[in-house]
Amino acid sequence: MEHVDGEAGLRDAVERARLDAGLVIPPDYDAGIRAGRQVTRRYLTRPGDLGSHDVALWTRSVAAREAVLVRAAWFGAAEGAGTFDEGLAATGSASVPGLRVRVATAGDALFPEGSGAFSASAPAMLLMFVFLAALLALGAWRLRRTLTA
């Protein structure tokens, strides 16, 4: 991660491939969030740059996590559990007790114990893909033999 001063500097760094991608965060971001407004962040990348896809995935992931924290802080403030800033500080240290999940089947089980829906179809799919790969290899071999003859 690298901090670049200004949108023009970021755009230049992305265009000249010094950076794979960039995220433009507006200067009024914090004030907009505190005021309850939707604040737009812009993502910059070069068209067709495959390296930027990883950065885009991480950016979306972090933005989604941040949105959850902001919504939780606003919910707490709306329910009278303190101010938005107090709620935002609490979201970083909140803990949720673990859930215990118990699975039970009512009636007759569709699949035997220890197997699932993919257990029945996986062998057939494997056989189909092996057959298709062999068929393509045979076709490529015949084409090569025809072209070299």
C-alpha atoms as a PDB file:
ATOM      1  CA  MET A   1       0.000   0.000   0.000  1.00  0.00           C
ATOM      2  CA  GLU A   2       1.324   3.393  -0.932  1.00  0.00           C
ATOM      3  CA  HIS A   3      -0.059   6.856  -0.147  1.00  0.00           C
ATOM      4  CA  VAL A   4      -0.089   9.274  -3.088  1.00  0.00           C
ATOM      5  CA  ASP A   5      -0.838  12.966  -2.690  1.00  0.00           C
ATOM      6  CA  GLY A   6      -3.837  14.025  -4.702  1.00  0.00           C
ATOM      7  CA  GLU A   7      -5.991  12.386  -7.316  1.00  0.00           C
ATOM      8  CA  ALA A   8      -3.822  13.668 -10.169  1.00  0.00           C
ATOM      9  CA  GLY A   9      -0.725  12.015  -8.670  1.00  0.00           C
ATOM     10  CA  LEU A  10      -2.607   8.758  -8.189  1.00  0.00           C
ATOM     11  CA  ARG A  11      -3.990   8.831 -11.722  1.00  0.00           C
ATOM     12  CA  ASP A  12      -0.486   9.464 -13.089  1.00  0.00           C
ATOM     13  CA  ALA A  13       0.998   6.582 -11.047  1.00  0.00           C
ATOM     14  CA  VAL A  14      -1.688   4.168 -12.262  1.00  0.00           C
ATOM     15  CA  GLU A  15      -1.443   5.294 -15.898  1.00  0.00           C
ATOM     16  CA  ARG A  16       2.357   4.911 -15.875  1.00  0.00           C
ATOM     17  CA  ALA A  17       2.078   1.444 -14.227  1.00  0.00           C
ATOM     18  CA  ARG A  18       3.928   2.464 -11.066  1.00  0.00           C
ATOM     19  CA  LEU A  19       0.817   1.250  -9.227  1.00  0.00           C
ATOM     20  CA  ASP A  20      -1.615  -1.485 -10.274  1.00  0.00           C
ATOM     21  CA  ALA A  21      -4.629   0.448  -9.038  1.00  0.00           C
ATOM     22  CA  GLY A  22      -5.693   3.206  -6.693  1.00  0.00           C
ATOM     23  CA  LEU A  23      -8.522   4.267  -4.445  1.00  0.00           C
ATOM     24  CA  VAL A  24      -9.568   7.918  -4.320  1.00  0.00           C
ATOM     25  CA  ILE A  25     -10.981   8.834  -0.923  1.00  0.00           C
ATOM     26  CA  PRO A  26     -12.586  12.301  -0.937  1.00  0.00           C
ATOM     27  CA  PRO A  27     -11.323  14.869   1.585  1.00  0.00           C
ATOM     28  CA  ASP A  28     -14.770  15.130   3.231  1.00  0.00           C
ATOM     29  CA  TYR A  29     -15.030  11.363   3.739  1.00  0.00           C
ATOM     30  CA  ASP A  30     -15.038  11.392   7.568  1.00  0.00           C
ATOM     31  CA  ALA A  31     -17.400  14.359   7.778  1.00  0.00           C
ATOM     32  CA  GLY A  32     -19.776  12.756   5.279  1.00  0.00           C
ATOM     33  CA  ILE A  33     -19.855   9.460   7.166  1.00  0.00           C
ATOM     34  CA  ARG A  34     -20.453  11.261  10.491  1.00  0.00           C
ATOM     35  CA  ALA A  35     -23.283  13.255   8.883  1.00  0.00           C
ATOM     36  CA  GLY A  36     -24.894  10.029   7.659  1.00  0.00           C
ATOM     37  CA  ARG A  37     -24.367  10.805   3.982  1.00  0.00           C
ATOM     38  CA  GLN A  38     -23.303   8.290   1.381  1.00  0.00           C
ATOM     39  CA  VAL A  39     -19.721   9.041   0.383  1.00  0.00           C
ATOM     40  CA  THR A  40     -18.421   7.739  -2.930  1.00  0.00           C
ATOM     41  CA  ARG A  41     -14.897   6.392  -3.245  1.00  0.00           C
ATOM     42  CA  ARG A  42     -13.496   5.930  -6.729  1.00  0.00           C
ATOM     43  CA  TYR A  43     -11.306   3.056  -7.842  1.00  0.00           C
ATOM     44  CA  LEU A  44      -8.729   3.731 -10.583  1.00  0.00           C
ATOM     45  CA  THR A  45      -7.131   1.084 -12.778  1.00  0.00           C
ATOM     46  CA  ARG A  46      -5.839   0.544 -16.291  1.00  0.00           C
ATOM     47  CA  PRO A  47      -8.174  -1.296 -18.668  1.00  0.00           C
ATOM     48  CA  GLY A  48      -7.063  -4.877 -19.212  1.00  0.00           C
ATOM     49  CA  ASP A  49      -4.530  -4.895 -16.356  1.00  0.00           C
ATOM     50  CA  LEU A  50      -4.875  -8.320 -14.737  1.00  0.00           C
ATOM     51  CA  GLY A  51      -2.850  -7.271 -11.684  1.00  0.00           C
ATOM     52  CA  SER A  52      -5.531  -4.798 -10.706  1.00  0.00           C
ATOM     53  CA  HIS A  53      -8.153  -7.521 -10.173  1.00  0.00           C
ATOM     54  CA  ASP A  54      -6.530  -8.616  -6.905  1.00  0.00           C
ATOM     55  CA  VAL A  55      -6.402  -5.027  -5.689  1.00  0.00           C
ATOM     56  CA  ALA A  56     -10.068  -4.565  -6.644  1.00  0.00           C
ATOM     57  CA  LEU A  57     -11.051  -7.661  -4.687  1.00  0.00           C
ATOM     58  CA  TRP A  58      -9.238  -6.484  -1.549  1.00  0.00           C
ATOM     59  CA  THR A  59     -10.628  -2.970  -1.927  1.00  0.00           C
ATOM     60  CA  ARG A  60     -14.202  -4.262  -2.128  1.00  0.00           C
ATOM     61  CA  SER A  61     -13.599  -6.531   0.847  1.00  0.00           C
ATOM     62  CA  VAL A  62     -12.258  -3.719   3.037  1.00  0.00           C
ATOM     63  CA  ALA A  63     -15.023  -1.337   1.910  1.00  0.00           C
ATOM     64  CA  ALA A  64     -17.704  -3.911   2.762  1.00  0.00           C
ATOM     65  CA  ARG A  65     -16.196  -4.503   6.221  1.00  0.00           C
ATOM     66  CA  GLU A  66     -16.029  -0.769   6.846  1.00  0.00           C
ATOM     67  CA  ALA A  67     -19.649  -0.324   5.745  1.00  0.00           C
ATOM     68  CA  VAL A  68     -20.753  -2.952   8.277  1.00  0.00           C
ATOM     69  CA  LEU A  69     -18.926  -1.138  11.087  1.00  0.00           C
ATOM     70  CA  VAL A  70     -20.404   2.229  10.095  1.00  0.00           C
ATOM     71  CA  ARG A  71     -23.925   0.776   9.892  1.00  0.00           C
ATOM     72  CA  ALA A  72     -23.504  -0.846  13.307  1.00  0.00           C
ATOM     73  CA  ALA A  73     -22.356   2.473  14.793  1.00  0.00           C
ATOM     74  CA  TRP A  74     -25.324   4.306  13.271  1.00  0.00           C
ATOM     75  CA  PHE A  75     -27.711   1.620  14.497  1.00  0.00           C
ATOM     76  CA  GLY A  76     -26.341   1.937  18.024  1.00  0.00           C
ATOM     77  CA  ALA A  77     -26.698   5.712  17.904  1.00  0.00           C
ATOM     78  CA  ALA A  78     -30.275   5.446  16.594  1.00  0.00           C
ATOM     79  CA  GLU A  79     -31.179   3.027  19.404  1.00  0.00           C
ATOM     80  CA  GLY A  80     -29.791   5.391  22.043  1.00  0.00           C
ATOM     81  CA  ALA A  81     -26.649   3.410  22.880  1.00  0.00           C
ATOM     82  CA  GLY A  82     -24.402   6.474  22.607  1.00  0.00           C
ATOM     83  CA  THR A  83     -23.099   8.716  19.860  1.00  0.00           C
ATOM     84  CA  PHE A  84     -21.952   7.599  16.438  1.00  0.00           C
ATOM     85  CA  ASP A  85     -18.283   8.047  17.442  1.00  0.00           C
ATOM     86  CA  GLU A  86     -18.779   5.961  20.591  1.00  0.00           C
ATOM     87  CA  GLY A  87     -20.508   3.268  18.567  1.00  0.00           C
ATOM     88  CA  LEU A  88     -17.747   3.285  15.969  1.00  0.00           C
ATOM     89  CA  ALA A  89     -15.121   2.891  18.694  1.00  0.00           C
ATOM     90  CA  ALA A  90     -17.133   0.037  20.230  1.00  0.00           C
ATOM     91  CA  THR A  91     -17.404  -1.836  16.931  1.00  0.00           C
ATOM     92  CA  GLY A  92     -13.660  -2.374  16.905  1.00  0.00           C
ATOM     93  CA  SER A  93     -13.719  -4.135  20.248  1.00  0.00           C
ATOM     94  CA  ALA A  94     -17.111  -5.846  20.167  1.00  0.00           C
ATOM     95  CA  SER A  95     -17.209  -9.582  20.525  1.00  0.00           C
ATOM     96  CA  VAL A  96     -19.968 -11.936  19.515  1.00  0.00           C
ATOM     97  CA  PRO A  97     -20.319 -15.236  21.347  1.00  0.00           C
ATOM     98  CA  GLY A  98     -19.790 -18.279  19.171  1.00  0.00           C
ATOM     99  CA  LEU A  99     -22.736 -20.125  17.770  1.00  0.00           C
ATOM    100  CA  ARG A 100     -23.201 -23.839  18.138  1.00  0.00           C
ATOM    101  CA  VAL A 101     -24.748 -25.450  15.074  1.00  0.00           C
ATOM    102  CA  ARG A 102     -26.448 -28.810  15.287  1.00  0.00           C
ATOM    103  CA  VAL A 103     -27.689 -30.499  12.131  1.00  0.00           C
ATOM    104  CA  ALA A 104     -30.600 -32.909  12.263  1.00  0.00           C
ATOM    105  CA  THR A 105     -32.443 -34.642   9.448  1.00  0.00           C
ATOM    106  CA  ALA A 106     -36.187 -34.961   9.699  1.00  0.00           C
ATOM    107  CA  GLY A 107     -37.498 -38.012   7.891  1.00  0.00           C
ATOM    108  CA  ASP A 108     -35.350 -40.081   5.547  1.00  0.00           C
ATOM    109  CA  ALA A 109     -31.934 -38.737   4.589  1.00  0.00           C
ATOM    110  CA  LEU A 110     -31.523 -38.151   0.861  1.00  0.00           C
ATOM    111  CA  PHE A 111     -27.815 -39.011   0.994  1.00  0.00           C
ATOM    112  CA  PRO A 112     -26.053 -41.488   3.286  1.00  0.00           C
ATOM    113  CA  GLU A 113     -24.209 -40.228   6.390  1.00  0.00           C
ATOM    114  CA  GLY A 114     -20.903 -38.557   5.458  1.00  0.00           C
ATOM    115  CA  SER A 115     -21.792 -37.865   1.841  1.00  0.00           C
ATOM    116  CA  GLY A 116     -23.505 -35.000   0.121  1.00  0.00           C
ATOM    117  CA  ALA A 117     -24.974 -33.899  -3.168  1.00  0.00           C
ATOM    118  CA  PHE A 118     -21.579 -33.681  -4.881  1.00  0.00           C
ATOM    119  CA  SER A 119     -20.543 -37.166  -3.800  1.00  0.00           C
ATOM    120  CA  ALA A 120     -22.995 -38.641  -6.304  1.00  0.00           C
ATOM    121  CA  SER A 121     -22.131 -36.424  -9.268  1.00  0.00           C
ATOM    122  CA  ALA A 122     -18.361 -35.923  -8.828  1.00  0.00           C
ATOM    123  CA  PRO A 123     -17.236 -39.327 -10.246  1.00  0.00           C
ATOM    124  CA  ALA A 124     -19.354 -38.880 -13.369  1.00  0.00           C
ATOM    125  CA  MET A 125     -18.082 -35.346 -13.886  1.00  0.00           C
ATOM    126  CA  LEU A 126     -14.483 -36.500 -13.478  1.00  0.00           C
ATOM    127  CA  LEU A 127     -15.004 -39.212 -16.066  1.00  0.00           C
ATOM    128  CA  MET A 128     -16.570 -36.715 -18.488  1.00  0.00           C
ATOM    129  CA  PHE A 129     -13.677 -34.240 -18.159  1.00  0.00           C
ATOM    130  CA  VAL A 130     -11.060 -36.973 -18.594  1.00  0.00           C
ATOM    131  CA  PHE A 131     -12.906 -38.193 -21.712  1.00  0.00           C
ATOM    132  CA  LEU A 132     -13.120 -34.657 -23.138  1.00  0.00           C
ATOM    133  CA  ALA A 133      -9.413 -34.032 -22.476  1.00  0.00           C
ATOM    134  CA  ALA A 134      -8.512 -37.306 -24.203  1.00  0.00           C
ATOM    135  CA  LEU A 135     -10.776 -36.469 -27.132  1.00  0.00           C
ATOM    136  CA  LEU A 136      -9.173 -33.029 -27.526  1.00  0.00           C
ATOM    137  CA  ALA A 137      -5.673 -34.517 -27.306  1.00  0.00           C
ATOM    138  CA  LEU A 138      -6.546 -37.085 -29.991  1.00  0.00           C
ATOM    139  CA  GLY A 139      -7.969 -34.348 -32.218  1.00  0.00           C
ATOM    140  CA  ALA A 140      -4.846 -32.212 -31.790  1.00  0.00           C
ATOM    141  CA  TRP A 141      -2.619 -35.220 -32.551  1.00  0.00           C
ATOM    142  CA  ARG A 142      -4.588 -36.025 -35.743  1.00  0.00           C
ATOM    143  CA  LEU A 143      -4.501 -32.376 -36.844  1.00  0.00           C
ATOM    144  CA  ARG A 144      -0.744 -32.188 -36.312  1.00  0.00           C
ATOM    145  CA  ARG A 145      -0.248 -35.459 -38.186  1.00  0.00           C
ATOM    146  CA  THR A 146      -2.365 -34.173 -41.097  1.00  0.00           C
ATOM    147  CA  LEU A 147      -0.505 -30.844 -41.266  1.00  0.00           C
ATOM    148  CA  THR A 148       2.964 -32.436 -41.198  1.00  0.00           C
ATOM    149  CA  ALA A 149       2.120 -35.094 -43.814  1.00  0.00           C
END
